Amino acid sequence: MSSYANSRKCSTCARRGQVCERSFHSDKEWEDLQREEKRLAQELEEAQKQFLQHSQKMNEAMAKVLRLQKHQQFLKDRGGRMLDHDQAVADRLNEDDPSSACYAVPAGHCE
């Protein structure tokens, strides 16, 4: 075999006397792969950070919605109790003195 043929073979193929396919990937291909893996890892990390930030904001917003809904229901219940109370007071006043009953009821609640 010529020295040219041997120089084009990898050491294993040269030892075995086989034709070397030289199908190894080049250093550039390995560097490109590593560079792309690194870029992708950074992009993935950034996307995960953004997801966590948005998730945290959504959780905060949901907690606020639930708190406001609870407060709204409390106020509706309170208004209902106040109206029931005022109606009971008006009914009692109406029983005692029908002509003065409307003066004890807040504006807009007397018929």
N, C-alpha and C. Protein backbone atom coordinates (compact mmCIF):
# COMPACT_ATOMS: atom_id res chain seq x y z
N MET A 1 0.83 -1.18 0.00
CA MET A 1 0.00 0.00 0.00
C MET A 1 0.87 1.24 0.00
N SER A 2 0.40 2.26 -0.65
CA SER A 2 1.19 3.49 -0.71
C SER A 2 1.03 4.27 0.57
N SER A 3 1.96 5.16 0.84
CA SER A 3 1.86 5.98 2.04
C SER A 3 0.68 6.94 1.92
N TYR A 4 0.31 7.33 0.71
CA TYR A 4 -0.84 8.19 0.51
C TYR A 4 -2.11 7.50 0.96
N ALA A 5 -2.27 6.24 0.59
CA ALA A 5 -3.46 5.48 0.97
C ALA A 5 -3.51 5.31 2.48
N ASN A 6 -2.36 5.02 3.09
CA ASN A 6 -2.33 4.85 4.53
C ASN A 6 -2.65 6.15 5.26
N SER A 7 -2.22 7.27 4.74
CA SER A 7 -2.45 8.55 5.42
C SER A 7 -3.92 8.94 5.36
N ARG A 8 -4.65 8.35 4.42
CA ARG A 8 -6.07 8.67 4.30
C ARG A 8 -6.92 7.73 5.13
N LYS A 9 -6.30 6.77 5.83
CA LYS A 9 -7.04 5.82 6.65
C LYS A 9 -6.91 6.20 8.12
N CYS A 10 -7.93 5.83 8.87
CA CYS A 10 -7.80 6.00 10.32
C CYS A 10 -6.87 4.90 10.82
N SER A 11 -6.35 5.04 12.00
CA SER A 11 -5.37 4.08 12.50
C SER A 11 -5.95 2.68 12.63
N THR A 12 -7.21 2.55 13.00
CA THR A 12 -7.82 1.23 13.14
C THR A 12 -7.92 0.54 11.79
N CYS A 13 -8.40 1.27 10.78
CA CYS A 13 -8.53 0.69 9.44
C CYS A 13 -7.15 0.35 8.88
N ALA A 14 -6.18 1.20 9.14
CA ALA A 14 -4.82 0.95 8.65
C ALA A 14 -4.27 -0.32 9.28
N ARG A 15 -4.48 -0.54 10.57
CA ARG A 15 -4.01 -1.74 11.25
C ARG A 15 -4.68 -2.98 10.69
N ARG A 16 -5.97 -2.86 10.41
CA ARG A 16 -6.74 -4.01 9.92
C ARG A 16 -6.58 -4.23 8.41
N GLY A 17 -6.02 -3.25 7.76
CA GLY A 17 -5.85 -3.35 6.32
C GLY A 17 -7.16 -3.18 5.56
N GLN A 18 -8.11 -2.49 6.18
CA GLN A 18 -9.42 -2.28 5.56
C GLN A 18 -9.46 -0.92 4.88
N VAL A 19 -10.43 -0.82 3.98
CA VAL A 19 -10.66 0.47 3.34
C VAL A 19 -11.34 1.36 4.37
N CYS A 20 -10.82 2.52 4.55
CA CYS A 20 -11.38 3.46 5.54
C CYS A 20 -12.42 4.34 4.85
N GLU A 21 -13.57 4.35 5.40
CA GLU A 21 -14.66 5.15 4.84
C GLU A 21 -14.48 6.63 5.13
N ARG A 22 -13.70 6.94 6.11
CA ARG A 22 -13.47 8.34 6.52
C ARG A 22 -14.82 9.03 6.76
N SER A 23 -15.73 8.29 7.38
CA SER A 23 -17.06 8.86 7.61
C SER A 23 -17.17 9.49 8.99
N PHE A 24 -16.03 9.79 9.58
CA PHE A 24 -16.05 10.47 10.86
C PHE A 24 -16.54 11.90 10.66
N HIS A 25 -17.17 12.40 11.65
CA HIS A 25 -17.61 13.79 11.58
C HIS A 25 -16.43 14.70 11.87
N SER A 26 -16.42 15.81 11.18
CA SER A 26 -15.31 16.74 11.32
C SER A 26 -15.38 17.48 12.65
N ASP A 27 -14.26 18.07 13.02
CA ASP A 27 -14.23 18.89 14.24
C ASP A 27 -15.24 20.02 14.15
N LYS A 28 -15.38 20.59 12.95
CA LYS A 28 -16.34 21.68 12.77
C LYS A 28 -17.76 21.19 13.04
N GLU A 29 -18.10 20.00 12.57
CA GLU A 29 -19.44 19.46 12.82
C GLU A 29 -19.68 19.26 14.31
N TRP A 30 -18.67 18.77 15.03
CA TRP A 30 -18.80 18.59 16.48
C TRP A 30 -18.93 19.94 17.18
N GLU A 31 -18.14 20.92 16.73
CA GLU A 31 -18.22 22.26 17.33
C GLU A 31 -19.58 22.88 17.06
N ASP A 32 -20.08 22.72 15.83
CA ASP A 32 -21.41 23.24 15.50
C ASP A 32 -22.49 22.60 16.38
N LEU A 33 -22.37 21.29 16.57
CA LEU A 33 -23.33 20.57 17.41
C LEU A 33 -23.28 21.10 18.85
N GLN A 34 -22.08 21.24 19.39
CA GLN A 34 -21.95 21.74 20.76
C GLN A 34 -22.47 23.17 20.89
N ARG A 35 -22.16 23.99 19.89
CA ARG A 35 -22.63 25.38 19.91
C ARG A 35 -24.17 25.42 19.87
N GLU A 36 -24.77 24.59 19.03
CA GLU A 36 -26.24 24.55 18.93
C GLU A 36 -26.86 24.02 20.22
N GLU A 37 -26.24 22.99 20.82
CA GLU A 37 -26.75 22.46 22.10
C GLU A 37 -26.69 23.54 23.18
N LYS A 38 -25.61 24.29 23.21
CA LYS A 38 -25.46 25.36 24.21
C LYS A 38 -26.51 26.46 23.98
N ARG A 39 -26.68 26.85 22.71
CA ARG A 39 -27.67 27.88 22.38
C ARG A 39 -29.07 27.41 22.77
N LEU A 40 -29.38 26.17 22.45
CA LEU A 40 -30.70 25.63 22.76
C LEU A 40 -30.92 25.55 24.28
N ALA A 41 -29.90 25.16 25.02
CA ALA A 41 -30.01 25.08 26.48
C ALA A 41 -30.29 26.47 27.07
N GLN A 42 -29.62 27.49 26.54
CA GLN A 42 -29.85 28.86 27.01
C GLN A 42 -31.26 29.33 26.66
N GLU A 43 -31.71 29.02 25.46
CA GLU A 43 -33.05 29.41 25.03
C GLU A 43 -34.11 28.70 25.88
N LEU A 44 -33.88 27.43 26.15
CA LEU A 44 -34.80 26.66 26.99
C LEU A 44 -34.85 27.24 28.40
N GLU A 45 -33.70 27.58 28.95
CA GLU A 45 -33.65 28.16 30.30
C GLU A 45 -34.42 29.48 30.34
N GLU A 46 -34.26 30.31 29.31
CA GLU A 46 -34.98 31.59 29.25
C GLU A 46 -36.48 31.36 29.14
N ALA A 47 -36.89 30.40 28.32
CA ALA A 47 -38.32 30.10 28.17
C ALA A 47 -38.90 29.59 29.49
N GLN A 48 -38.14 28.79 30.21
CA GLN A 48 -38.60 28.29 31.51
C GLN A 48 -38.74 29.44 32.51
N LYS A 49 -37.80 30.37 32.50
CA LYS A 49 -37.89 31.54 33.39
C LYS A 49 -39.14 32.36 33.06
N GLN A 50 -39.38 32.59 31.77
CA GLN A 50 -40.56 33.34 31.37
C GLN A 50 -41.83 32.62 31.78
N PHE A 51 -41.86 31.31 31.61
CA PHE A 51 -43.02 30.53 32.00
C PHE A 51 -43.27 30.67 33.50
N LEU A 52 -42.23 30.56 34.30
CA LEU A 52 -42.39 30.68 35.75
C LEU A 52 -42.88 32.08 36.13
N GLN A 53 -42.35 33.10 35.47
CA GLN A 53 -42.79 34.47 35.76
C GLN A 53 -44.26 34.64 35.41
N HIS A 54 -44.66 34.18 34.23
CA HIS A 54 -46.06 34.31 33.82
C HIS A 54 -46.97 33.47 34.71
N SER A 55 -46.49 32.30 35.07
CA SER A 55 -47.27 31.43 35.95
C SER A 55 -47.48 32.09 37.31
N GLN A 56 -46.42 32.71 37.81
CA GLN A 56 -46.51 33.41 39.09
C GLN A 56 -47.50 34.58 39.00
N LYS A 57 -47.44 35.33 37.90
CA LYS A 57 -48.37 36.45 37.72
C LYS A 57 -49.80 35.95 37.60
N MET A 58 -49.99 34.83 36.91
CA MET A 58 -51.34 34.28 36.78
C MET A 58 -51.87 33.82 38.14
N ASN A 59 -51.00 33.20 38.94
CA ASN A 59 -51.42 32.78 40.27
C ASN A 59 -51.80 33.97 41.14
N GLU A 60 -51.01 35.05 41.05
CA GLU A 60 -51.33 36.26 41.80
C GLU A 60 -52.65 36.86 41.33
N ALA A 61 -52.85 36.90 40.02
CA ALA A 61 -54.10 37.45 39.48
C ALA A 61 -55.29 36.59 39.89
N MET A 62 -55.14 35.28 39.87
CA MET A 62 -56.23 34.38 40.27
C MET A 62 -56.55 34.57 41.75
N ALA A 63 -55.53 34.72 42.57
CA ALA A 63 -55.76 34.94 44.00
C ALA A 63 -56.52 36.25 44.21
N LYS A 64 -56.17 37.28 43.42
CA LYS A 64 -56.87 38.56 43.53
C LYS A 64 -58.32 38.42 43.09
N VAL A 65 -58.56 37.72 41.98
CA VAL A 65 -59.93 37.50 41.51
C VAL A 65 -60.75 36.80 42.58
N LEU A 66 -60.20 35.75 43.16
CA LEU A 66 -60.93 35.01 44.19
C LEU A 66 -61.21 35.87 45.42
N ARG A 67 -60.21 36.67 45.81
CA ARG A 67 -60.39 37.57 46.96
C ARG A 67 -61.48 38.60 46.68
N LEU A 68 -61.46 39.18 45.48
CA LEU A 68 -62.47 40.19 45.13
C LEU A 68 -63.86 39.58 45.02
N GLN A 69 -63.95 38.37 44.47
CA GLN A 69 -65.25 37.70 44.40
C GLN A 69 -65.79 37.41 45.79
N LYS A 70 -64.92 37.00 46.68
CA LYS A 70 -65.34 36.71 48.05
C LYS A 70 -65.82 37.99 48.73
N HIS A 71 -65.08 39.08 48.52
CA HIS A 71 -65.47 40.36 49.11
C HIS A 71 -66.80 40.84 48.52
N GLN A 72 -66.95 40.67 47.21
CA GLN A 72 -68.19 41.07 46.55
C GLN A 72 -69.38 40.29 47.13
N GLN A 73 -69.20 38.99 47.32
CA GLN A 73 -70.28 38.18 47.89
C GLN A 73 -70.58 38.62 49.32
N PHE A 74 -69.53 38.95 50.08
CA PHE A 74 -69.72 39.44 51.44
C PHE A 74 -70.58 40.71 51.43
N LEU A 75 -70.25 41.64 50.51
CA LEU A 75 -71.01 42.89 50.45
C LEU A 75 -72.46 42.64 50.03
N LYS A 76 -72.68 41.73 49.09
CA LYS A 76 -74.05 41.40 48.69
C LYS A 76 -74.82 40.81 49.86
N ASP A 77 -74.18 39.90 50.58
CA ASP A 77 -74.83 39.30 51.75
C ASP A 77 -75.12 40.35 52.81
N ARG A 78 -74.17 41.24 53.01
CA ARG A 78 -74.34 42.30 54.01
C ARG A 78 -75.49 43.22 53.61
N GLY A 79 -75.54 43.58 52.32
CA GLY A 79 -76.63 44.42 51.84
C GLY A 79 -77.98 43.74 52.04
N GLY A 80 -78.02 42.45 51.77
CA GLY A 80 -79.26 41.71 51.98
C GLY A 80 -79.68 41.71 53.44
N ARG A 81 -78.70 41.51 54.34
CA ARG A 81 -79.01 41.52 55.78
C ARG A 81 -79.46 42.91 56.22
N MET A 82 -78.79 43.95 55.69
CA MET A 82 -79.18 45.32 56.04
C MET A 82 -80.60 45.61 55.57
N LEU A 83 -80.92 45.19 54.36
CA LEU A 83 -82.26 45.41 53.83
C LEU A 83 -83.30 44.66 54.66
N ASP A 84 -82.99 43.40 55.00
CA ASP A 84 -83.91 42.63 55.86
C ASP A 84 -84.12 43.32 57.20
N HIS A 85 -83.03 43.82 57.78
CA HIS A 85 -83.12 44.51 59.07
C HIS A 85 -83.99 45.76 58.95
N ASP A 86 -83.69 46.57 57.94
CA ASP A 86 -84.46 47.81 57.77
C ASP A 86 -85.93 47.51 57.50
N GLN A 87 -86.19 46.48 56.74
CA GLN A 87 -87.58 46.11 56.47
C GLN A 87 -88.28 45.68 57.76
N ALA A 88 -87.56 44.94 58.60
CA ALA A 88 -88.14 44.51 59.88
C ALA A 88 -88.42 45.71 60.77
N VAL A 89 -87.48 46.66 60.79
CA VAL A 89 -87.68 47.88 61.59
C VAL A 89 -88.88 48.65 61.04
N ALA A 90 -88.96 48.79 59.73
CA ALA A 90 -90.08 49.52 59.12
C ALA A 90 -91.40 48.82 59.41
N ASP A 91 -91.40 47.50 59.35
CA ASP A 91 -92.63 46.76 59.65
C ASP A 91 -93.07 47.00 61.10
N ARG A 92 -92.09 47.00 62.02
CA ARG A 92 -92.44 47.24 63.43
C ARG A 92 -92.98 48.66 63.62
N LEU A 93 -92.31 49.62 62.97
CA LEU A 93 -92.77 51.00 63.09
C LEU A 93 -94.15 51.16 62.47
N ASN A 94 -94.36 50.49 61.36
CA ASN A 94 -95.64 50.56 60.67
C ASN A 94 -96.75 49.98 61.54
N GLU A 95 -96.41 48.94 62.29
CA GLU A 95 -97.40 48.35 63.19
C GLU A 95 -97.75 49.32 64.32
N ASP A 96 -96.72 50.02 64.84
CA ASP A 96 -96.92 50.94 65.96
C ASP A 96 -97.60 52.23 65.50
N ASP A 97 -97.09 52.83 64.42
CA ASP A 97 -97.61 54.11 63.95
C ASP A 97 -97.50 54.14 62.42
N PRO A 98 -98.49 53.71 61.70
CA PRO A 98 -98.44 53.60 60.25
C PRO A 98 -98.11 54.90 59.54
N SER A 99 -98.42 56.04 60.10
CA SER A 99 -98.19 57.32 59.41
C SER A 99 -96.72 57.73 59.45
N SER A 100 -95.90 57.25 60.38
CA SER A 100 -94.51 57.68 60.49
C SER A 100 -93.52 56.61 60.03
N ALA A 101 -93.99 55.51 59.49
CA ALA A 101 -93.11 54.39 59.15
C ALA A 101 -92.08 54.76 58.08
N CYS A 102 -92.43 55.55 57.11
CA CYS A 102 -91.51 55.86 56.01
C CYS A 102 -90.35 56.75 56.45
N TYR A 103 -90.48 57.46 57.53
CA TYR A 103 -89.41 58.34 57.96
C TYR A 103 -88.23 57.58 58.55
N ALA A 104 -88.44 56.37 59.02
CA ALA A 104 -87.37 55.60 59.65
C ALA A 104 -86.62 54.73 58.64
N VAL A 105 -87.13 54.60 57.42
CA VAL A 105 -86.50 53.76 56.42
C VAL A 105 -85.61 54.63 55.54
N PRO A 106 -84.39 54.16 55.22
CA PRO A 106 -83.51 54.95 54.35
C PRO A 106 -84.18 55.26 53.02
N ALA A 107 -83.78 56.37 52.42
CA ALA A 107 -84.36 56.81 51.15
C ALA A 107 -84.25 55.72 50.11
N GLY A 108 -85.31 55.55 49.35
CA GLY A 108 -85.32 54.56 48.29
C GLY A 108 -85.84 53.21 48.72
N HIS A 109 -86.03 52.98 50.02
CA HIS A 109 -86.50 51.69 50.51
C HIS A 109 -87.95 51.74 50.96
N CYS A 110 -88.55 52.90 50.96
CA CYS A 110 -89.93 53.03 51.42
C CYS A 110 -90.83 53.08 50.20
N GLU A 111 -91.89 52.31 50.24
CA GLU A 111 -92.82 52.25 49.10
C GLU A 111 -93.85 53.35 49.17
